[in-house]
Amino acid sequence: MQHDLLIENGTVIDGTGAAPFTADIAVQGGLITAIGRTPGELAGTARETIDARGAWVTPGFIDIHTHYDGQATWDDSFSPSIHHGVTTVVMGNCGVGFAPVRPGREDDLVKLMEGVEDIPGAALHEGIRWNWESFPQYMDALAATPRSLDYLVQVPHDPLRMYVMGERAVAQQAATAEDIDDMRALLREALHAGAAGFSTGRSDNHRTSEGRETPASEASAAELAGIVSAFDGLNHGVVQCVSDFDLLRGAEHFDREFALIEQVARACGRPLSMTWLQRDPGAEQYIAIRDRVEACVAQGLPLYLQTAARGIGVIIGLDASFHPFMGFPGYKEVAHLPLAERAAALREPARKARILGEKSERLAGDGTAIPPLVDLLLARIDMISGRMFPLGPMPDYEPSVMQSFLVRAKQGGISPMAALYDHLAGGDGDHLIYFPIFNYNAGSLDVLGEMLRHPRALAGLSDAGAHVGTVCDASFTTFMLTHWARDRKEGRLAVETVVRMLTQRNADYLGLKDRGTLKVGLRADFNLIDPSELGVGAPRLVADLPAGGKRFLQKATGYRGTWVAGQAVQRDGTVTGARPGTLVRMGH
């Protein structure tokens, strides 16, 4: 048999959790057609042969938590996920998205996405074509364009509620029985069209760009349970939710919120995943969530915990979405200058002295989390600077407090604000600061390691495509392999465990039977990785969004190639012209 491709002598990490083994893998017609463990067994049977000696061969990674809903309408490569071994992405998370939509109400969904996920509204307005109304029409519009990667879409609660209830949804009014029936019917229609599930967001941190609460953030248990009854009789679909839980408001509040999630899980009868992180304040809440989930699982409920790969935080820089000095009058005078000139102006001794002696003016409340975050930084800078670190060309995402700006300031005999100022004003103004907010309470990732080892943990929360001016966590997959499987001094995870989390476990959660492991007869979605060269590059701001919008991009080294359905979509960091990716319609 003449194969299209033969990968020889690779170290196969097959996604099942089994120990790595050496083998050859043959590909034909987009499928894995043979796996030979005897050297030379498949030699001479392929049009292209690649010597993978010393390299890992893994299944393609499945990212279950992205926000490419808008970007997918103008970008056919799903950058930057394509640079981090991802071959399948899931959109429509956290209850926000762009369908269904009433004609003329598109701006409402843009304001929602701009506020919740920090994607520039101008980019969304210019980039999205809006050639749909219903959710199945949105799916058809996306499916009309060939893409590098496969993708799945979930039905988001907020647009669903706004489509049915109009201004009553925005005003947080309770849904009537008729409203719930209509939302259930629309979800059912989308599920029949192949939607992967339903998502809802219940976080106080999520606001529209006008500062308003998201329409579904206070939806009742009756509304949610009624909507997800749309899954009745179907054998596909998942539910994704994010909630603050707010144990700090008391055990009664926490119990009431978790009981709502539990009711939704019972009503849908499908796998349900929720965001899991160590909050600050509220460090012990993750334990309470774990305990409740374990109790539910013991009763047969399919609950899962979406867990990040590292601290959840923000990147700070002069050209990023925010930095501590953006409200200072002396900074505002030079804020319009090109970046390098701005940094040079900030290094002028007189200007530096003036700014460090000033008070920040109040930032305009644009509805995003940025003004409150800047206010928090300035009010508690002496303490918070102990969790702010320089982010260099070789990013360290588990830095010691000794690397913090608090310690740097003490060693230099200056204030933390002066230490932050000197760093941001250095060079061409492109110096960055890493500020992990969650998962870093003790100054390490030890607690996160405990969370990743939990049997109900799912590798997720990358938010790829979102928070473009403050975050670039599409690199979570690469970081899992470098930090947790290779570089961490203590508490490492076996590489086969990490690969299984990125592949088979996520595929099983979604109900994808054709991918997630390297087995004969499954899709030829796989990566060829040089472990000695594998690394996460430094984030950099690029202006490649529609309307000139900026976003952080973070590439990787060490990926010799990524294949989707047997076609190479990137080689050595360069995206190819192959577009084998398509919309995965679940249940079809």
Foldseek 3Di string as FASTA:
>chain_A
DAFAEKEAQAQELFLPLDHTATWMWTHHQQFTADIGRDHPPCPPRYPYYHHQHQWYKFFQFEFEDAACQQVLQAAQELPPLQQQRHAEYEHQAAQAHQPQADPPCRVVSLLQQCAQFVDDSQLSVVRHPPPHHAPLRSQVSSQVDFHLHAYAYEHGNLRLLCVQPPVCLQVLHADDPVSLVSLLVSNLVQLVSFHLAYEHEQEPQRWGLQQGDRSCNPYDLVSLLSNLLSLPPPDGHEYEYEHPLPCVVDPVSNVVVVVSVLSNQVSNVAEYEYEAFQAVPPRCVSVVVVVVVVVVVVVPGRYFYEAELAFDFWKDFLPFPDDLQPQFPLLVVLSPPPQQVSLVSCPPVVSVVVSVPTDGDQDDRSNHCPSVVSVVCVVPVLVQQLQKAWQDQAGDRQDASCRGLNVVCVVVVHGSVSSSSCQCSPDSSFIMMTGRRICQPPSGNPVSLVVLPDPRYAHHDQNRPGSFRIHRSSNRLLCLCPDQCPDPPPSHDPNSSSSNRRFVVVCVSSVNPQTRTRDRPHGPWIWIFNSVQWGKGGWDWDQDRPPSDIGTHIRIAGTQFTDGSRHTQDGRSRGDPDRNYRHRRPPD
